[in-house]
Amino acid sequence: MWEIFGLDLDSQAAREKGALNDKRTEFKTWDLGDRFRSALTGVSQEDLLEASGQLKTNDLNTNTIDTRGQIQDSLAGTQVDTSGLEIKAGETEAEHLSRLSRLLRTGKAVDKLEGSVDNFDRTSVGPNATASTVQQLGRKTVDTNKTVAEDKETKETRRLEGRDDDRLAMTMELSRLDRKDDREARRDERAFQNRKLDMQEARLDRKDRQAAIQQMMAGLAQMGASIAI
């Protein structure tokens, strides 16, 4: 019967949900009219509180469905638990929205870094991460990338310097071998010239000995002729 006059539990709860306090534990006002209506309809304050609180909770959850979807998408692959995004028991509307807002900021920070920082690992985002801690992870990743790039550049420089050192060492070794070959060639040339001189001297000595022998023989021949006369 009371549905006709809008005095049933659901109708009253729909009107009174706006009068609930932040924690939905009591009405901000409960005046004489409210008490009369409760007595008239048999709807107790406790029943109306429960029904109004549930409606307000449902409204809050309905109004944040899109936000919860964004949070779950942006934090997918991280260690952050996004399974319980509905309003918690005893949680005020402001606390609930603040919690969702914090998680949404964290998720947006994750998406931004993954799209702008090489090698950013979303799985490294911890269960209690905030947007600030995610940004710190991003800076750490940037520093790591810089260190890796510098190490790679250093190794390449050393590799090239090593090639230059090897090339220089090879050039020096070839130069040393060329000098050694020149010394050996000059030594061989001197030895050849010395042998040539020795041979020339030997020939001269033979000629001198032959001339002396011939001269001596001629002298003996003259002496023998003189004796014979």
C-alpha atoms as a PDB file:
ATOM      1  CA  MET A   1       0.000   0.000   0.000  1.00  0.00           C
ATOM      2  CA  TRP A   2       2.712   2.449   0.917  1.00  0.00           C
ATOM      3  CA  GLU A   3       4.161   2.200  -2.620  1.00  0.00           C
ATOM      4  CA  ILE A   4       1.207   4.295  -3.811  1.00  0.00           C
ATOM      5  CA  PHE A   5       2.232   7.158  -1.570  1.00  0.00           C
ATOM      6  CA  GLY A   6       5.978   6.667  -2.105  1.00  0.00           C
ATOM      7  CA  LEU A   7       6.435   5.626   1.499  1.00  0.00           C
ATOM      8  CA  ASP A   8       7.713   2.102   0.938  1.00  0.00           C
ATOM      9  CA  LEU A   9      11.267   1.218   2.001  1.00  0.00           C
ATOM     10  CA  ASP A  10      12.825   1.569  -1.454  1.00  0.00           C
ATOM     11  CA  SER A  11      11.184   4.937  -2.133  1.00  0.00           C
ATOM     12  CA  GLN A  12      12.184   6.330   1.227  1.00  0.00           C
ATOM     13  CA  ALA A  13      15.743   5.000   0.827  1.00  0.00           C
ATOM     14  CA  ALA A  14      16.050   6.666  -2.591  1.00  0.00           C
ATOM     15  CA  ARG A  15      15.032  10.008  -1.027  1.00  0.00           C
ATOM     16  CA  GLU A  16      17.151   9.689   2.095  1.00  0.00           C
ATOM     17  CA  LYS A  17      20.421   8.447   0.587  1.00  0.00           C
ATOM     18  CA  GLY A  18      21.529  12.032   0.069  1.00  0.00           C
ATOM     19  CA  ALA A  19      21.124  12.675   3.790  1.00  0.00           C
ATOM     20  CA  LEU A  20      23.601   9.960   4.782  1.00  0.00           C
ATOM     21  CA  ASN A  21      26.914  10.925   6.360  1.00  0.00           C
ATOM     22  CA  ASP A  22      30.195  10.128   4.598  1.00  0.00           C
ATOM     23  CA  LYS A  23      30.456   6.648   6.097  1.00  0.00           C
ATOM     24  CA  ARG A  24      26.747   5.910   5.534  1.00  0.00           C
ATOM     25  CA  THR A  25      26.346   5.003   9.232  1.00  0.00           C
ATOM     26  CA  GLU A  26      23.699   7.582  10.116  1.00  0.00           C
ATOM     27  CA  PHE A  27      21.570  10.347   8.658  1.00  0.00           C
ATOM     28  CA  LYS A  28      22.812  13.901   8.962  1.00  0.00           C
ATOM     29  CA  THR A  29      19.360  14.822  10.254  1.00  0.00           C
ATOM     30  CA  TRP A  30      16.537  12.700  11.687  1.00  0.00           C
ATOM     31  CA  ASP A  31      13.770  15.041  12.709  1.00  0.00           C
ATOM     32  CA  LEU A  32      10.198  14.722  13.962  1.00  0.00           C
ATOM     33  CA  GLY A  33       8.820  14.195  10.453  1.00  0.00           C
ATOM     34  CA  ASP A  34      11.252  11.366   9.843  1.00  0.00           C
ATOM     35  CA  ARG A  35      10.279   9.713  13.124  1.00  0.00           C
ATOM     36  CA  PHE A  36       6.563  10.104  12.339  1.00  0.00           C
ATOM     37  CA  ARG A  37       6.996   8.607   8.885  1.00  0.00           C
ATOM     38  CA  SER A  38       8.963   5.706  10.367  1.00  0.00           C
ATOM     39  CA  ALA A  39       6.253   5.036  12.908  1.00  0.00           C
ATOM     40  CA  LEU A  40       3.506   5.365  10.296  1.00  0.00           C
ATOM     41  CA  THR A  41       5.064   3.037   7.719  1.00  0.00           C
ATOM     42  CA  GLY A  42       6.849   0.673  10.058  1.00  0.00           C
ATOM     43  CA  VAL A  43      10.164   1.359   8.321  1.00  0.00           C
ATOM     44  CA  SER A  44      12.742   1.639  11.092  1.00  0.00           C
ATOM     45  CA  GLN A  45      15.684   4.009  10.982  1.00  0.00           C
ATOM     46  CA  GLU A  46      18.057   1.026  10.935  1.00  0.00           C
ATOM     47  CA  ASP A  47      16.305  -0.516   7.921  1.00  0.00           C
ATOM     48  CA  LEU A  48      16.294   2.818   6.123  1.00  0.00           C
ATOM     49  CA  LEU A  49      19.989   3.355   6.889  1.00  0.00           C
ATOM     50  CA  GLU A  50      20.880  -0.044   5.465  1.00  0.00           C
ATOM     51  CA  ALA A  51      18.750   0.418   2.340  1.00  0.00           C
ATOM     52  CA  SER A  52      19.936   4.003   1.716  1.00  0.00           C
ATOM     53  CA  GLY A  53      23.559   3.036   2.300  1.00  0.00           C
ATOM     54  CA  GLN A  54      23.307   0.201  -0.196  1.00  0.00           C
ATOM     55  CA  LEU A  55      21.759   2.489  -2.799  1.00  0.00           C
ATOM     56  CA  LYS A  56      24.504   5.044  -2.315  1.00  0.00           C
ATOM     57  CA  THR A  57      27.143   2.329  -2.549  1.00  0.00           C
ATOM     58  CA  ASN A  58      25.550   1.034  -5.735  1.00  0.00           C
ATOM     59  CA  ASP A  59      25.460   4.549  -7.200  1.00  0.00           C
ATOM     60  CA  LEU A  60      29.092   5.087  -6.331  1.00  0.00           C
ATOM     61  CA  ASN A  61      30.142   1.792  -7.887  1.00  0.00           C
ATOM     62  CA  THR A  62      28.060   2.481 -10.991  1.00  0.00           C
ATOM     63  CA  ASN A  63      29.552   5.950 -11.393  1.00  0.00           C
ATOM     64  CA  THR A  64      33.096   4.588 -11.195  1.00  0.00           C
ATOM     65  CA  ILE A  65      32.756   1.638 -13.596  1.00  0.00           C
ATOM     66  CA  ASP A  66      34.623   3.435 -16.402  1.00  0.00           C
ATOM     67  CA  THR A  67      37.330   4.541 -13.999  1.00  0.00           C
ATOM     68  CA  ARG A  68      37.785   0.991 -12.700  1.00  0.00           C
ATOM     69  CA  GLY A  69      38.090  -0.286 -16.264  1.00  0.00           C
ATOM     70  CA  GLN A  70      40.780   2.296 -17.033  1.00  0.00           C
ATOM     71  CA  ILE A  71      42.646   1.357 -13.869  1.00  0.00           C
ATOM     72  CA  GLN A  72      42.531  -2.359 -14.620  1.00  0.00           C
ATOM     73  CA  ASP A  73      43.741  -1.769 -18.181  1.00  0.00           C
ATOM     74  CA  SER A  74      46.546   0.606 -17.226  1.00  0.00           C
ATOM     75  CA  LEU A  75      47.806  -1.584 -14.371  1.00  0.00           C
ATOM     76  CA  ALA A  76      47.564  -4.889 -16.256  1.00  0.00           C
ATOM     77  CA  GLY A  77      50.864  -6.749 -16.027  1.00  0.00           C
ATOM     78  CA  THR A  78      51.934  -4.949 -12.841  1.00  0.00           C
ATOM     79  CA  GLN A  79      51.941  -6.371  -9.312  1.00  0.00           C
ATOM     80  CA  VAL A  80      49.208  -3.941  -8.214  1.00  0.00           C
ATOM     81  CA  ASP A  81      46.040  -5.772  -7.152  1.00  0.00           C
ATOM     82  CA  THR A  82      43.054  -4.308  -9.026  1.00  0.00           C
ATOM     83  CA  SER A  83      40.567  -7.048  -8.156  1.00  0.00           C
ATOM     84  CA  GLY A  84      38.854  -5.133  -5.330  1.00  0.00           C
ATOM     85  CA  LEU A  85      38.064  -1.727  -6.758  1.00  0.00           C
ATOM     86  CA  GLU A  86      34.518  -1.619  -5.397  1.00  0.00           C
ATOM     87  CA  ILE A  87      33.838   0.564  -2.398  1.00  0.00           C
ATOM     88  CA  LYS A  88      34.984  -1.101   0.806  1.00  0.00           C
ATOM     89  CA  ALA A  89      32.990  -1.510   3.992  1.00  0.00           C
ATOM     90  CA  GLY A  90      33.311   1.611   6.111  1.00  0.00           C
ATOM     91  CA  GLU A  91      35.011   3.531   3.299  1.00  0.00           C
ATOM     92  CA  THR A  92      33.637   7.007   2.674  1.00  0.00           C
ATOM     93  CA  GLU A  93      32.811   8.224  -0.806  1.00  0.00           C
ATOM     94  CA  ALA A  94      35.730  10.642  -0.658  1.00  0.00           C
ATOM     95  CA  GLU A  95      38.104   7.866   0.464  1.00  0.00           C
ATOM     96  CA  HIS A  96      36.869   5.565  -2.294  1.00  0.00           C
ATOM     97  CA  LEU A  97      37.281   8.191  -5.006  1.00  0.00           C
ATOM     98  CA  SER A  98      40.697   9.147  -3.622  1.00  0.00           C
ATOM     99  CA  ARG A  99      41.809   5.490  -3.765  1.00  0.00           C
ATOM    100  CA  LEU A 100      40.602   5.126  -7.358  1.00  0.00           C
ATOM    101  CA  SER A 101      42.224   8.408  -8.322  1.00  0.00           C
ATOM    102  CA  ARG A 102      45.559   7.296  -6.833  1.00  0.00           C
ATOM    103  CA  LEU A 103      45.428   4.001  -8.713  1.00  0.00           C
ATOM    104  CA  LEU A 104      44.441   5.754 -11.926  1.00  0.00           C
ATOM    105  CA  ARG A 105      47.409   8.151 -11.619  1.00  0.00           C
ATOM    106  CA  THR A 106      49.673   5.151 -11.034  1.00  0.00           C
ATOM    107  CA  GLY A 107      48.297   3.388 -14.106  1.00  0.00           C
ATOM    108  CA  LYS A 108      48.688   6.465 -16.300  1.00  0.00           C
ATOM    109  CA  ALA A 109      52.290   6.835 -15.124  1.00  0.00           C
ATOM    110  CA  VAL A 110      52.941   3.185 -16.066  1.00  0.00           C
ATOM    111  CA  ASP A 111      51.432   3.637 -19.546  1.00  0.00           C
ATOM    112  CA  LYS A 112      53.361   6.851 -20.134  1.00  0.00           C
ATOM    113  CA  LEU A 113      56.718   5.365 -19.195  1.00  0.00           C
ATOM    114  CA  GLU A 114      56.136   2.187 -21.169  1.00  0.00           C
ATOM    115  CA  GLY A 115      55.473   4.314 -24.237  1.00  0.00           C
ATOM    116  CA  SER A 116      58.413   6.693 -23.776  1.00  0.00           C
ATOM    117  CA  VAL A 117      61.232   4.858 -21.955  1.00  0.00           C
ATOM    118  CA  ASP A 118      63.054   1.966 -23.597  1.00  0.00           C
ATOM    119  CA  ASN A 119      63.243  -1.257 -21.565  1.00  0.00           C
ATOM    120  CA  PHE A 120      60.753  -0.045 -18.948  1.00  0.00           C
ATOM    121  CA  ASP A 121      59.372  -3.186 -17.292  1.00  0.00           C
ATOM    122  CA  ARG A 122      55.810  -2.793 -16.016  1.00  0.00           C
ATOM    123  CA  THR A 123      56.156  -6.069 -14.089  1.00  0.00           C
ATOM    124  CA  SER A 124      58.617  -4.273 -11.783  1.00  0.00           C
ATOM    125  CA  VAL A 125      55.818  -2.015 -10.509  1.00  0.00           C
ATOM    126  CA  GLY A 126      55.164  -3.211  -6.938  1.00  0.00           C
ATOM    127  CA  PRO A 127      51.799  -3.863  -5.269  1.00  0.00           C
ATOM    128  CA  ASN A 128      51.857  -0.594  -3.314  1.00  0.00           C
ATOM    129  CA  ALA A 129      53.253   1.568  -6.094  1.00  0.00           C
ATOM    130  CA  THR A 130      52.194   5.192  -6.472  1.00  0.00           C
ATOM    131  CA  ALA A 131      52.683   7.497  -9.438  1.00  0.00           C
ATOM    132  CA  SER A 132      55.771   8.852  -7.683  1.00  0.00           C
ATOM    133  CA  THR A 133      57.383   5.425  -7.234  1.00  0.00           C
ATOM    134  CA  VAL A 134      56.594   4.558 -10.859  1.00  0.00           C
ATOM    135  CA  GLN A 135      58.361   7.737 -11.971  1.00  0.00           C
ATOM    136  CA  GLN A 136      61.341   6.752  -9.839  1.00  0.00           C
ATOM    137  CA  LEU A 137      61.404   3.396 -11.613  1.00  0.00           C
ATOM    138  CA  GLY A 138      61.321   5.277 -14.902  1.00  0.00           C
ATOM    139  CA  ARG A 139      64.292   7.441 -13.917  1.00  0.00           C
ATOM    140  CA  LYS A 140      66.157   4.330 -12.782  1.00  0.00           C
ATOM    141  CA  THR A 141      65.458   2.686 -16.140  1.00  0.00           C
ATOM    142  CA  VAL A 142      66.684   5.804 -17.989  1.00  0.00           C
ATOM    143  CA  ASP A 143      69.896   5.780 -15.906  1.00  0.00           C
ATOM    144  CA  THR A 144      70.360   2.065 -16.597  1.00  0.00           C
ATOM    145  CA  ASN A 145      69.851   2.611 -20.332  1.00  0.00           C
ATOM    146  CA  LYS A 146      72.415   5.421 -20.241  1.00  0.00           C
ATOM    147  CA  THR A 147      74.936   3.242 -18.398  1.00  0.00           C
ATOM    148  CA  VAL A 148      74.432   0.366 -20.833  1.00  0.00           C
ATOM    149  CA  ALA A 149      74.856   2.718 -23.807  1.00  0.00           C
ATOM    150  CA  GLU A 150      78.017   4.237 -22.312  1.00  0.00           C
ATOM    151  CA  ASP A 151      79.454   0.781 -21.585  1.00  0.00           C
ATOM    152  CA  LYS A 152      78.684  -0.286 -25.139  1.00  0.00           C
ATOM    153  CA  GLU A 153      80.338   2.850 -26.513  1.00  0.00           C
ATOM    154  CA  THR A 154      83.366   2.314 -24.271  1.00  0.00           C
ATOM    155  CA  LYS A 155      83.714  -1.293 -25.407  1.00  0.00           C
ATOM    156  CA  GLU A 156      83.447  -0.233 -29.057  1.00  0.00           C
ATOM    157  CA  THR A 157      86.048   2.485 -28.531  1.00  0.00           C
ATOM    158  CA  ARG A 158      88.381   0.011 -26.876  1.00  0.00           C
ATOM    159  CA  ARG A 159      87.762  -2.462 -29.681  1.00  0.00           C
ATOM    160  CA  LEU A 160      88.646   0.135 -32.291  1.00  0.00           C
ATOM    161  CA  GLU A 161      91.636   1.298 -30.268  1.00  0.00           C
ATOM    162  CA  GLY A 162      92.697  -2.320 -29.968  1.00  0.00           C
ATOM    163  CA  ARG A 163      92.489  -2.676 -33.741  1.00  0.00           C
ATOM    164  CA  ASP A 164      94.582   0.485 -34.121  1.00  0.00           C
ATOM    165  CA  ASP A 165      97.080  -0.867 -31.587  1.00  0.00           C
ATOM    166  CA  ASP A 166      97.257  -4.156 -33.468  1.00  0.00           C
ATOM    167  CA  ARG A 167      97.723  -2.298 -36.726  1.00  0.00           C
ATOM    168  CA  LEU A 168     100.470  -0.147 -35.205  1.00  0.00           C
ATOM    169  CA  ALA A 169     102.160  -3.197 -33.700  1.00  0.00           C
ATOM    170  CA  MET A 170     102.030  -4.963 -37.072  1.00  0.00           C
ATOM    171  CA  THR A 171     103.472  -1.903 -38.819  1.00  0.00           C
ATOM    172  CA  MET A 172     106.270  -1.680 -36.287  1.00  0.00           C
ATOM    173  CA  GLU A 173     106.996  -5.407 -36.639  1.00  0.00           C
ATOM    174  CA  LEU A 174     107.114  -5.134 -40.433  1.00  0.00           C
ATOM    175  CA  SER A 175     109.400  -2.142 -40.127  1.00  0.00           C
ATOM    176  CA  ARG A 176     111.647  -4.087 -37.756  1.00  0.00           C
ATOM    177  CA  LEU A 177     111.751  -7.014 -40.165  1.00  0.00           C
ATOM    178  CA  ASP A 178     112.557  -4.654 -43.051  1.00  0.00           C
ATOM    179  CA  ARG A 179     115.439  -3.166 -41.085  1.00  0.00           C
ATOM    180  CA  LYS A 180     116.651  -6.655 -40.221  1.00  0.00           C
ATOM    181  CA  ASP A 181     116.500  -7.664 -43.873  1.00  0.00           C
ATOM    182  CA  ASP A 182     118.423  -4.507 -44.825  1.00  0.00           C
ATOM    183  CA  ARG A 183     121.106  -5.249 -42.231  1.00  0.00           C
ATOM    184  CA  GLU A 184     121.424  -8.836 -43.418  1.00  0.00           C
ATOM    185  CA  ALA A 185     121.560  -7.706 -47.044  1.00  0.00           C
ATOM    186  CA  ARG A 186     124.302  -5.177 -46.232  1.00  0.00           C
ATOM    187  CA  ARG A 187     126.189  -7.822 -44.233  1.00  0.00           C
ATOM    188  CA  ASP A 188     125.924 -10.261 -47.114  1.00  0.00           C
ATOM    189  CA  GLU A 189     127.100  -7.564 -49.516  1.00  0.00           C
ATOM    190  CA  ARG A 190     130.096  -6.761 -47.328  1.00  0.00           C
ATOM    191  CA  ALA A 191     130.898 -10.455 -47.018  1.00  0.00           C
ATOM    192  CA  PHE A 192     130.700 -10.808 -50.799  1.00  0.00           C
ATOM    193  CA  GLN A 193     132.927  -7.802 -51.350  1.00  0.00           C
ATOM    194  CA  ASN A 194     135.392  -9.120 -48.769  1.00  0.00           C
ATOM    195  CA  ARG A 195     135.514 -12.517 -50.496  1.00  0.00           C
ATOM    196  CA  LYS A 196     135.977 -10.748 -53.814  1.00  0.00           C
ATOM    197  CA  LEU A 197     138.876  -8.752 -52.402  1.00  0.00           C
ATOM    198  CA  ASP A 198     140.367 -11.925 -50.878  1.00  0.00           C
ATOM    199  CA  MET A 199     140.155 -13.635 -54.252  1.00  0.00           C
ATOM    200  CA  GLN A 200     141.765 -10.678 -55.978  1.00  0.00           C
ATOM    201  CA  GLU A 201     144.562 -10.620 -53.417  1.00  0.00           C
ATOM    202  CA  ALA A 202     145.019 -14.359 -53.805  1.00  0.00           C
ATOM    203  CA  ARG A 203     145.353 -13.981 -57.585  1.00  0.00           C
ATOM    204  CA  LEU A 204     147.858 -11.162 -57.166  1.00  0.00           C
ATOM    205  CA  ASP A 205     149.807 -13.273 -54.692  1.00  0.00           C
ATOM    206  CA  ARG A 206     149.927 -16.165 -57.168  1.00  0.00           C
ATOM    207  CA  LYS A 207     151.059 -13.820 -59.930  1.00  0.00           C
ATOM    208  CA  ASP A 208     153.750 -12.387 -57.674  1.00  0.00           C
ATOM    209  CA  ARG A 209     154.945 -15.869 -56.710  1.00  0.00           C
ATOM    210  CA  GLN A 210     154.903 -17.010 -60.320  1.00  0.00           C
ATOM    211  CA  ALA A 211     156.885 -13.910 -61.375  1.00  0.00           C
ATOM    212  CA  ALA A 212     159.398 -14.466 -58.576  1.00  0.00           C
ATOM    213  CA  ILE A 213     159.807 -18.126 -59.568  1.00  0.00           C
ATOM    214  CA  GLN A 214     160.271 -17.186 -63.198  1.00  0.00           C
ATOM    215  CA  GLN A 215     162.789 -14.535 -62.250  1.00  0.00           C
ATOM    216  CA  MET A 216     164.639 -17.000 -60.023  1.00  0.00           C
ATOM    217  CA  MET A 217     164.662 -19.614 -62.791  1.00  0.00           C
ATOM    218  CA  ALA A 218     165.980 -17.081 -65.244  1.00  0.00           C
ATOM    219  CA  GLY A 219     168.729 -16.123 -62.800  1.00  0.00           C
ATOM    220  CA  LEU A 220     169.703 -19.781 -62.308  1.00  0.00           C
ATOM    221  CA  ALA A 221     169.755 -20.276 -66.020  1.00  0.00           C
ATOM    222  CA  GLN A 222     172.098 -17.331 -66.486  1.00  0.00           C
ATOM    223  CA  MET A 223     174.275 -18.573 -63.622  1.00  0.00           C
ATOM    224  CA  GLY A 224     174.462 -22.038 -65.200  1.00  0.00           C
ATOM    225  CA  ALA A 225     175.450 -20.518 -68.528  1.00  0.00           C
ATOM    226  CA  SER A 226     178.173 -18.477 -66.919  1.00  0.00           C
ATOM    227  CA  ILE A 227     179.665 -21.502 -65.202  1.00  0.00           C
ATOM    228  CA  ALA A 228     179.610 -23.491 -68.368  1.00  0.00           C
ATOM    229  CA  ILE A 229     181.753 -20.893 -70.178  1.00  0.00           C
END
